[in-house]
Amino acid sequence: MKTVLISLAILASASAFANEAADDRANREAFAGVATRAEVQSGYLRARAAGTLVPTDETASLRAPAAPDGGQARDDVRREARQAARQRVIHELL
């Protein structure tokens, strides 16, 4: 009885793996590109040099916006923040 159950489990799992392999093959065929890797890279470099790349969320996160230069030193800003907290005028600064 154990042998029958084990053989049924093996057959069931084999069909599941076969289906997974067929899905992988279908995905490779459906998403096969027509350009080579070198063609894609050269197109990217041309677009970047021309400034025609479309910004996406992924690329936007790579470039952090520059902090505005307020002309104040860090210590000055901290001193002002402490003074505002003591005087409870922080809500006026916002």
PDB file of N, CA and C in Angstrom:
ATOM      1  N   MET A   1       0.818  -1.191   0.000  1.00  0.00           N
ATOM      2  CA  MET A   1       0.000   0.000   0.000  1.00  0.00           C
ATOM      3  C   MET A   1       0.867   1.262   0.000  1.00  0.00           C
ATOM      4  N   LYS A   2       1.949   1.220   0.808  1.00  0.00           N
ATOM      5  CA  LYS A   2       2.834   2.370   0.850  1.00  0.00           C
ATOM      6  C   LYS A   2       3.468   2.615  -0.506  1.00  0.00           C
ATOM      7  N   THR A   3       3.802   1.548  -1.194  1.00  0.00           N
ATOM      8  CA  THR A   3       4.443   1.670  -2.501  1.00  0.00           C
ATOM      9  C   THR A   3       3.520   2.343  -3.499  1.00  0.00           C
ATOM     10  N   VAL A   4       2.261   2.025  -3.447  1.00  0.00           N
ATOM     11  CA  VAL A   4       1.294   2.625  -4.351  1.00  0.00           C
ATOM     12  C   VAL A   4       1.148   4.123  -4.063  1.00  0.00           C
ATOM     13  N   LEU A   5       1.064   4.474  -2.798  1.00  0.00           N
ATOM     14  CA  LEU A   5       0.931   5.878  -2.432  1.00  0.00           C
ATOM     15  C   LEU A   5       2.172   6.678  -2.828  1.00  0.00           C
ATOM     16  N   ILE A   6       3.337   6.093  -2.622  1.00  0.00           N
ATOM     17  CA  ILE A   6       4.576   6.789  -2.984  1.00  0.00           C
ATOM     18  C   ILE A   6       4.661   6.968  -4.487  1.00  0.00           C
ATOM     19  N   SER A   7       4.290   5.948  -5.239  1.00  0.00           N
ATOM     20  CA  SER A   7       4.358   6.063  -6.697  1.00  0.00           C
ATOM     21  C   SER A   7       3.345   7.081  -7.220  1.00  0.00           C
ATOM     22  N   LEU A   8       2.164   7.152  -6.619  1.00  0.00           N
ATOM     23  CA  LEU A   8       1.183   8.167  -7.008  1.00  0.00           C
ATOM     24  C   LEU A   8       1.691   9.578  -6.695  1.00  0.00           C
ATOM     25  N   ALA A   9       2.339   9.746  -5.552  1.00  0.00           N
ATOM     26  CA  ALA A   9       2.881  11.056  -5.194  1.00  0.00           C
ATOM     27  C   ALA A   9       3.980  11.465  -6.165  1.00  0.00           C
ATOM     28  N   ILE A  10       4.805  10.519  -6.566  1.00  0.00           N
ATOM     29  CA  ILE A  10       5.881  10.816  -7.518  1.00  0.00           C
ATOM     30  C   ILE A  10       5.294  11.195  -8.873  1.00  0.00           C
ATOM     31  N   LEU A  11       4.284  10.489  -9.329  1.00  0.00           N
ATOM     32  CA  LEU A  11       3.661  10.813 -10.604  1.00  0.00           C
ATOM     33  C   LEU A  11       2.994  12.189 -10.574  1.00  0.00           C
ATOM     34  N   ALA A  12       2.337  12.506  -9.472  1.00  0.00           N
ATOM     35  CA  ALA A  12       1.674  13.802  -9.359  1.00  0.00           C
ATOM     36  C   ALA A  12       2.696  14.934  -9.358  1.00  0.00           C
ATOM     37  N   SER A  13       3.792  14.741  -8.654  1.00  0.00           N
ATOM     38  CA  SER A  13       4.798  15.803  -8.608  1.00  0.00           C
ATOM     39  C   SER A  13       5.526  15.923  -9.947  1.00  0.00           C
ATOM     40  N   ALA A  14       5.704  14.835 -10.657  1.00  0.00           N
ATOM     41  CA  ALA A  14       6.368  14.894 -11.958  1.00  0.00           C
ATOM     42  C   ALA A  14       5.542  15.702 -12.951  1.00  0.00           C
ATOM     43  N   SER A  15       4.241  15.549 -12.915  1.00  0.00           N
ATOM     44  CA  SER A  15       3.406  16.315 -13.838  1.00  0.00           C
ATOM     45  C   SER A  15       3.423  17.804 -13.486  1.00  0.00           C
ATOM     46  N   ALA A  16       3.537  18.114 -12.217  1.00  0.00           N
ATOM     47  CA  ALA A  16       3.616  19.514 -11.815  1.00  0.00           C
ATOM     48  C   ALA A  16       4.912  20.136 -12.317  1.00  0.00           C
ATOM     49  N   PHE A  17       6.019  19.414 -12.210  1.00  0.00           N
ATOM     50  CA  PHE A  17       7.293  19.931 -12.703  1.00  0.00           C
ATOM     51  C   PHE A  17       7.292  20.040 -14.221  1.00  0.00           C
ATOM     52  N   ALA A  18       6.637  19.129 -14.895  1.00  0.00           N
ATOM     53  CA  ALA A  18       6.559  19.192 -16.354  1.00  0.00           C
ATOM     54  C   ALA A  18       5.781  20.431 -16.794  1.00  0.00           C
ATOM     55  N   ASN A  19       4.719  20.742 -16.089  1.00  0.00           N
ATOM     56  CA  ASN A  19       3.935  21.926 -16.406  1.00  0.00           C
ATOM     57  C   ASN A  19       4.753  23.197 -16.185  1.00  0.00           C
ATOM     58  N   GLU A  20       5.557  23.207 -15.124  1.00  0.00           N
ATOM     59  CA  GLU A  20       6.398  24.369 -14.845  1.00  0.00           C
ATOM     60  C   GLU A  20       7.430  24.565 -15.950  1.00  0.00           C
ATOM     61  N   ALA A  21       7.995  23.503 -16.451  1.00  0.00           N
ATOM     62  CA  ALA A  21       8.971  23.609 -17.535  1.00  0.00           C
ATOM     63  C   ALA A  21       8.309  24.122 -18.810  1.00  0.00           C
ATOM     64  N   ALA A  22       7.095  23.702 -19.066  1.00  0.00           N
ATOM     65  CA  ALA A  22       6.382  24.178 -20.252  1.00  0.00           C
ATOM     66  C   ALA A  22       6.066  25.665 -20.128  1.00  0.00           C
ATOM     67  N   ASP A  23       5.698  26.109 -18.928  1.00  0.00           N
ATOM     68  CA  ASP A  23       5.438  27.531 -18.708  1.00  0.00           C
ATOM     69  C   ASP A  23       6.691  28.355 -18.938  1.00  0.00           C
ATOM     70  N   ASP A  24       7.822  27.869 -18.473  1.00  0.00           N
ATOM     71  CA  ASP A  24       9.080  28.584 -18.646  1.00  0.00           C
ATOM     72  C   ASP A  24       9.431  28.700 -20.125  1.00  0.00           C
ATOM     73  N   ARG A  25       9.244  27.636 -20.862  1.00  0.00           N
ATOM     74  CA  ARG A  25       9.530  27.659 -22.307  1.00  0.00           C
ATOM     75  C   ARG A  25       8.602  28.644 -23.019  1.00  0.00           C
ATOM     76  N   ALA A  26       7.320  28.662 -22.646  1.00  0.00           N
ATOM     77  CA  ALA A  26       6.367  29.582 -23.272  1.00  0.00           C
ATOM     78  C   ALA A  26       6.726  31.032 -22.951  1.00  0.00           C
ATOM     79  N   ASN A  27       7.160  31.296 -21.722  1.00  0.00           N
ATOM     80  CA  ASN A  27       7.559  32.656 -21.360  1.00  0.00           C
ATOM     81  C   ASN A  27       8.784  33.101 -22.139  1.00  0.00           C
ATOM     82  N   ARG A  28       9.735  32.220 -22.311  1.00  0.00           N
ATOM     83  CA  ARG A  28      10.935  32.577 -23.068  1.00  0.00           C
ATOM     84  C   ARG A  28      10.593  32.911 -24.518  1.00  0.00           C
ATOM     85  N   GLU A  29       9.668  32.154 -25.088  1.00  0.00           N
ATOM     86  CA  GLU A  29       9.280  32.405 -26.478  1.00  0.00           C
ATOM     87  C   GLU A  29       8.451  33.690 -26.594  1.00  0.00           C
ATOM     88  N   ALA A  30       7.596  33.952 -25.627  1.00  0.00           N
ATOM     89  CA  ALA A  30       6.721  35.124 -25.698  1.00  0.00           C
ATOM     90  C   ALA A  30       7.490  36.426 -25.483  1.00  0.00           C
ATOM     91  N   PHE A  31       8.514  36.380 -24.659  1.00  0.00           N
ATOM     92  CA  PHE A  31       9.231  37.601 -24.324  1.00  0.00           C
ATOM     93  C   PHE A  31      10.606  37.679 -24.969  1.00  0.00           C
ATOM     94  N   ALA A  32      10.814  36.934 -26.011  1.00  0.00           N
ATOM     95  CA  ALA A  32      12.098  36.982 -26.708  1.00  0.00           C
ATOM     96  C   ALA A  32      12.189  38.304 -27.461  1.00  0.00           C
ATOM     97  N   GLY A  33      13.281  39.027 -27.254  1.00  0.00           N
ATOM     98  CA  GLY A  33      13.461  40.313 -27.907  1.00  0.00           C
ATOM     99  C   GLY A  33      14.067  40.161 -29.289  1.00  0.00           C
ATOM    100  N   VAL A  34      13.970  41.219 -30.072  1.00  0.00           N
ATOM    101  CA  VAL A  34      14.533  41.201 -31.415  1.00  0.00           C
ATOM    102  C   VAL A  34      15.879  41.910 -31.461  1.00  0.00           C
ATOM    103  N   ALA A  35      16.204  42.666 -30.401  1.00  0.00           N
ATOM    104  CA  ALA A  35      17.473  43.383 -30.360  1.00  0.00           C
ATOM    105  C   ALA A  35      18.459  42.617 -29.482  1.00  0.00           C
ATOM    106  N   THR A  36      19.719  42.705 -29.849  1.00  0.00           N
ATOM    107  CA  THR A  36      20.745  42.064 -29.027  1.00  0.00           C
ATOM    108  C   THR A  36      21.038  42.953 -27.828  1.00  0.00           C
ATOM    109  N   ARG A  37      21.754  42.402 -26.878  1.00  0.00           N
ATOM    110  CA  ARG A  37      22.121  43.156 -25.689  1.00  0.00           C
ATOM    111  C   ARG A  37      22.963  44.376 -26.062  1.00  0.00           C
ATOM    112  N   ALA A  38      23.886  44.203 -26.993  1.00  0.00           N
ATOM    113  CA  ALA A  38      24.752  45.311 -27.422  1.00  0.00           C
ATOM    114  C   ALA A  38      23.929  46.420 -28.085  1.00  0.00           C
ATOM    115  N   GLU A  39      22.911  46.050 -28.858  1.00  0.00           N
ATOM    116  CA  GLU A  39      22.056  47.049 -29.506  1.00  0.00           C
ATOM    117  C   GLU A  39      21.258  47.847 -28.472  1.00  0.00           C
ATOM    118  N   VAL A  40      20.767  47.164 -27.468  1.00  0.00           N
ATOM    119  CA  VAL A  40      20.001  47.838 -26.418  1.00  0.00           C
ATOM    120  C   VAL A  40      20.902  48.795 -25.644  1.00  0.00           C
ATOM    121  N   GLN A  41      22.103  48.336 -25.301  1.00  0.00           N
ATOM    122  CA  GLN A  41      23.022  49.190 -24.559  1.00  0.00           C
ATOM    123  C   GLN A  41      23.436  50.411 -25.366  1.00  0.00           C
ATOM    124  N   SER A  42      23.702  50.231 -26.650  1.00  0.00           N
ATOM    125  CA  SER A  42      24.102  51.386 -27.464  1.00  0.00           C
ATOM    126  C   SER A  42      22.933  52.360 -27.631  1.00  0.00           C
ATOM    127  N   GLY A  43      21.726  51.846 -27.750  1.00  0.00           N
ATOM    128  CA  GLY A  43      20.553  52.721 -27.828  1.00  0.00           C
ATOM    129  C   GLY A  43      20.360  53.512 -26.543  1.00  0.00           C
ATOM    130  N   TYR A  44      20.596  52.861 -25.421  1.00  0.00           N
ATOM    131  CA  TYR A  44      20.493  53.547 -24.131  1.00  0.00           C
ATOM    132  C   TYR A  44      21.535  54.657 -24.033  1.00  0.00           C
ATOM    133  N   LEU A  45      22.758  54.354 -24.412  1.00  0.00           N
ATOM    134  CA  LEU A  45      23.825  55.355 -24.334  1.00  0.00           C
ATOM    135  C   LEU A  45      23.550  56.533 -25.262  1.00  0.00           C
ATOM    136  N   ARG A  46      23.002  56.261 -26.447  1.00  0.00           N
ATOM    137  CA  ARG A  46      22.657  57.354 -27.369  1.00  0.00           C
ATOM    138  C   ARG A  46      21.559  58.233 -26.779  1.00  0.00           C
ATOM    139  N   ALA A  47      20.539  57.609 -26.197  1.00  0.00           N
ATOM    140  CA  ALA A  47      19.434  58.372 -25.605  1.00  0.00           C
ATOM    141  C   ALA A  47      19.904  59.178 -24.403  1.00  0.00           C
ATOM    142  N   ARG A  48      20.785  58.595 -23.606  1.00  0.00           N
ATOM    143  CA  ARG A  48      21.294  59.317 -22.442  1.00  0.00           C
ATOM    144  C   ARG A  48      22.133  60.517 -22.880  1.00  0.00           C
ATOM    145  N   ALA A  49      22.953  60.324 -23.924  1.00  0.00           N
ATOM    146  CA  ALA A  49      23.783  61.426 -24.417  1.00  0.00           C
ATOM    147  C   ALA A  49      22.919  62.534 -25.024  1.00  0.00           C
ATOM    148  N   ALA A  50      21.812  62.154 -25.660  1.00  0.00           N
ATOM    149  CA  ALA A  50      20.930  63.141 -26.285  1.00  0.00           C
ATOM    150  C   ALA A  50      19.983  63.790 -25.272  1.00  0.00           C
ATOM    151  N   GLY A  51      19.904  63.203 -24.072  1.00  0.00           N
ATOM    152  CA  GLY A  51      19.008  63.750 -23.052  1.00  0.00           C
ATOM    153  C   GLY A  51      17.550  63.411 -23.298  1.00  0.00           C
ATOM    154  N   THR A  52      17.282  62.324 -23.995  1.00  0.00           N
ATOM    155  CA  THR A  52      15.903  61.965 -24.336  1.00  0.00           C
ATOM    156  C   THR A  52      15.368  60.795 -23.522  1.00  0.00           C
ATOM    157  N   LEU A  53      16.049  60.413 -22.453  1.00  0.00           N
ATOM    158  CA  LEU A  53      15.549  59.323 -21.625  1.00  0.00           C
ATOM    159  C   LEU A  53      14.325  59.788 -20.854  1.00  0.00           C
ATOM    160  N   VAL A  54      13.334  58.947 -20.779  1.00  0.00           N
ATOM    161  CA  VAL A  54      12.112  59.262 -20.040  1.00  0.00           C
ATOM    162  C   VAL A  54      12.342  58.857 -18.585  1.00  0.00           C
ATOM    163  N   PRO A  55      12.217  59.791 -17.637  1.00  0.00           N
ATOM    164  CA  PRO A  55      12.436  59.427 -16.233  1.00  0.00           C
ATOM    165  C   PRO A  55      11.330  58.500 -15.737  1.00  0.00           C
ATOM    166  N   THR A  56      11.721  57.498 -14.983  1.00  0.00           N
ATOM    167  CA  THR A  56      10.771  56.567 -14.374  1.00  0.00           C
ATOM    168  C   THR A  56      10.964  56.608 -12.873  1.00  0.00           C
ATOM    169  N   ASP A  57      10.106  55.927 -12.155  1.00  0.00           N
ATOM    170  CA  ASP A  57      10.233  55.888 -10.704  1.00  0.00           C
ATOM    171  C   ASP A  57      11.550  55.257 -10.281  1.00  0.00           C
ATOM    172  N   GLU A  58      12.004  54.262 -11.048  1.00  0.00           N
ATOM    173  CA  GLU A  58      13.243  53.585 -10.692  1.00  0.00           C
ATOM    174  C   GLU A  58      14.438  54.511 -10.838  1.00  0.00           C
ATOM    175  N   THR A  59      14.479  55.265 -11.917  1.00  0.00           N
ATOM    176  CA  THR A  59      15.632  56.143 -12.121  1.00  0.00           C
ATOM    177  C   THR A  59      15.538  57.397 -11.272  1.00  0.00           C
ATOM    178  N   ALA A  60      14.353  57.818 -10.928  1.00  0.00           N
ATOM    179  CA  ALA A  60      14.206  59.019 -10.110  1.00  0.00           C
ATOM    180  C   ALA A  60      14.767  58.794  -8.715  1.00  0.00           C
ATOM    181  N   SER A  61      14.650  57.564  -8.217  1.00  0.00           N
ATOM    182  CA  SER A  61      15.151  57.293  -6.875  1.00  0.00           C
ATOM    183  C   SER A  61      16.671  57.224  -6.848  1.00  0.00           C
ATOM    184  N   LEU A  62      17.311  57.059  -7.989  1.00  0.00           N
ATOM    185  CA  LEU A  62      18.766  57.010  -8.029  1.00  0.00           C
ATOM    186  C   LEU A  62      19.375  58.396  -7.889  1.00  0.00           C
ATOM    187  N   ARG A  63      18.652  59.394  -8.316  1.00  0.00           N
ATOM    188  CA  ARG A  63      19.156  60.766  -8.236  1.00  0.00           C
ATOM    189  C   ARG A  63      18.403  61.512  -7.146  1.00  0.00           C
ATOM    190  N   ALA A  64      19.051  61.725  -6.042  1.00  0.00           N
ATOM    191  CA  ALA A  64      18.417  62.477  -4.964  1.00  0.00           C
ATOM    192  C   ALA A  64      18.482  63.958  -5.307  1.00  0.00           C
ATOM    193  N   PRO A  65      17.417  64.683  -5.066  1.00  0.00           N
ATOM    194  CA  PRO A  65      17.463  66.121  -5.360  1.00  0.00           C
ATOM    195  C   PRO A  65      18.474  66.816  -4.471  1.00  0.00           C
ATOM    196  N   ALA A  66      19.135  67.775  -5.036  1.00  0.00           N
ATOM    197  CA  ALA A  66      20.128  68.522  -4.271  1.00  0.00           C
ATOM    198  C   ALA A  66      19.427  69.381  -3.227  1.00  0.00           C
ATOM    199  N   ALA A  67      20.008  69.435  -2.068  1.00  0.00           N
ATOM    200  CA  ALA A  67      19.445  70.253  -1.000  1.00  0.00           C
ATOM    201  C   ALA A  67      19.687  71.716  -1.321  1.00  0.00           C
ATOM    202  N   PRO A  68      18.692  72.542  -1.126  1.00  0.00           N
ATOM    203  CA  PRO A  68      18.898  73.964  -1.406  1.00  0.00           C
ATOM    204  C   PRO A  68      19.915  74.548  -0.437  1.00  0.00           C
ATOM    205  N   ASP A  69      20.759  75.384  -0.933  1.00  0.00           N
ATOM    206  CA  ASP A  69      21.774  76.009  -0.103  1.00  0.00           C
ATOM    207  C   ASP A  69      21.194  77.279   0.500  1.00  0.00           C
ATOM    208  N   GLY A  70      20.878  77.204   1.762  1.00  0.00           N
ATOM    209  CA  GLY A  70      20.302  78.362   2.425  1.00  0.00           C
ATOM    210  C   GLY A  70      21.348  79.331   2.932  1.00  0.00           C
ATOM    211  N   GLY A  71      22.611  78.957   2.789  1.00  0.00           N
ATOM    212  CA  GLY A  71      23.667  79.831   3.238  1.00  0.00           C
ATOM    213  C   GLY A  71      23.896  79.782   4.740  1.00  0.00           C
ATOM    214  N   GLN A  72      23.268  78.848   5.428  1.00  0.00           N
ATOM    215  CA  GLN A  72      23.432  78.734   6.870  1.00  0.00           C
ATOM    216  C   GLN A  72      24.252  77.490   7.190  1.00  0.00           C
ATOM    217  N   ALA A  73      25.049  77.617   8.208  1.00  0.00           N
ATOM    218  CA  ALA A  73      25.807  76.466   8.677  1.00  0.00           C
ATOM    219  C   ALA A  73      24.885  75.556   9.485  1.00  0.00           C
ATOM    220  N   ARG A  74      25.280  74.317   9.619  1.00  0.00           N
ATOM    221  CA  ARG A  74      24.468  73.344  10.343  1.00  0.00           C
ATOM    222  C   ARG A  74      24.256  73.777  11.792  1.00  0.00           C
ATOM    223  N   ASP A  75      25.292  74.288  12.410  1.00  0.00           N
ATOM    224  CA  ASP A  75      25.168  74.731  13.804  1.00  0.00           C
ATOM    225  C   ASP A  75      24.171  75.874  13.946  1.00  0.00           C
ATOM    226  N   ASP A  76      24.147  76.770  12.957  1.00  0.00           N
ATOM    227  CA  ASP A  76      23.190  77.880  13.001  1.00  0.00           C
ATOM    228  C   ASP A  76      21.761  77.369  12.932  1.00  0.00           C
ATOM    229  N   VAL A  77      21.532  76.411  12.078  1.00  0.00           N
ATOM    230  CA  VAL A  77      20.179  75.852  11.932  1.00  0.00           C
ATOM    231  C   VAL A  77      19.763  75.158  13.213  1.00  0.00           C
ATOM    232  N   ARG A  78      20.667  74.389  13.806  1.00  0.00           N
ATOM    233  CA  ARG A  78      20.345  73.708  15.069  1.00  0.00           C
ATOM    234  C   ARG A  78      20.040  74.723  16.171  1.00  0.00           C
ATOM    235  N   ARG A  79      20.835  75.783  16.239  1.00  0.00           N
ATOM    236  CA  ARG A  79      20.627  76.820  17.255  1.00  0.00           C
ATOM    237  C   ARG A  79      19.252  77.460  17.070  1.00  0.00           C
ATOM    238  N   GLU A  80      18.896  77.764  15.829  1.00  0.00           N
ATOM    239  CA  GLU A  80      17.572  78.363  15.571  1.00  0.00           C
ATOM    240  C   GLU A  80      16.448  77.406  15.939  1.00  0.00           C
ATOM    241  N   ALA A  81      16.638  76.124  15.654  1.00  0.00           N
ATOM    242  CA  ALA A  81      15.597  75.136  15.969  1.00  0.00           C
ATOM    243  C   ALA A  81      15.406  75.015  17.470  1.00  0.00           C
ATOM    244  N   ARG A  82      16.510  74.992  18.219  1.00  0.00           N
ATOM    245  CA  ARG A  82      16.399  74.906  19.680  1.00  0.00           C
ATOM    246  C   ARG A  82      15.715  76.153  20.246  1.00  0.00           C
ATOM    247  N   GLN A  83      16.090  77.300  19.720  1.00  0.00           N
ATOM    248  CA  GLN A  83      15.484  78.543  20.197  1.00  0.00           C
ATOM    249  C   GLN A  83      13.989  78.570  19.880  1.00  0.00           C
ATOM    250  N   ALA A  84      13.615  78.131  18.691  1.00  0.00           N
ATOM    251  CA  ALA A  84      12.200  78.100  18.322  1.00  0.00           C
ATOM    252  C   ALA A  84      11.433  77.114  19.185  1.00  0.00           C
ATOM    253  N   ALA A  85      12.061  75.990  19.535  1.00  0.00           N
ATOM    254  CA  ALA A  85      11.388  75.014  20.392  1.00  0.00           C
ATOM    255  C   ALA A  85      11.180  75.572  21.787  1.00  0.00           C
ATOM    256  N   ARG A  86      12.171  76.295  22.285  1.00  0.00           N
ATOM    257  CA  ARG A  86      12.032  76.893  23.609  1.00  0.00           C
ATOM    258  C   ARG A  86      10.933  77.949  23.631  1.00  0.00           C
ATOM    259  N   GLN A  87      10.838  78.701  22.564  1.00  0.00           N
ATOM    260  CA  GLN A  87       9.846  79.779  22.504  1.00  0.00           C
ATOM    261  C   GLN A  87       8.504  79.299  21.951  1.00  0.00           C
ATOM    262  N   ARG A  88       8.446  78.038  21.577  1.00  0.00           N
ATOM    263  CA  ARG A  88       7.214  77.419  21.048  1.00  0.00           C
ATOM    264  C   ARG A  88       6.678  78.165  19.831  1.00  0.00           C
ATOM    265  N   VAL A  89       7.556  78.508  18.916  1.00  0.00           N
ATOM    266  CA  VAL A  89       7.147  79.175  17.699  1.00  0.00           C
ATOM    267  C   VAL A  89       7.372  78.291  16.472  1.00  0.00           C
ATOM    268  N   ILE A  90       7.509  77.012  16.682  1.00  0.00           N
ATOM    269  CA  ILE A  90       7.775  76.102  15.571  1.00  0.00           C
ATOM    270  C   ILE A  90       6.608  76.099  14.593  1.00  0.00           C
ATOM    271  N   HIS A  91       5.393  76.160  15.103  1.00  0.00           N
ATOM    272  CA  HIS A  91       4.238  76.139  14.187  1.00  0.00           C
ATOM    273  C   HIS A  91       4.227  77.342  13.258  1.00  0.00           C
ATOM    274  N   GLU A  92       4.829  78.446  13.647  1.00  0.00           N
ATOM    275  CA  GLU A  92       4.882  79.619  12.777  1.00  0.00           C
ATOM    276  C   GLU A  92       5.874  79.437  11.649  1.00  0.00           C
ATOM    277  N   LEU A  93       6.896  78.595  11.851  1.00  0.00           N
ATOM    278  CA  LEU A  93       7.899  78.355  10.829  1.00  0.00           C
ATOM    279  C   LEU A  93       7.394  77.415   9.741  1.00  0.00           C
ATOM    280  N   LEU A  94       6.409  76.611  10.085  1.00  0.00           N
ATOM    281  CA  LEU A  94       5.874  75.664   9.117  1.00  0.00           C
ATOM    282  C   LEU A  94       4.885  76.372   8.291  1.00  0.00           C
TER     283      LEU A  94
END
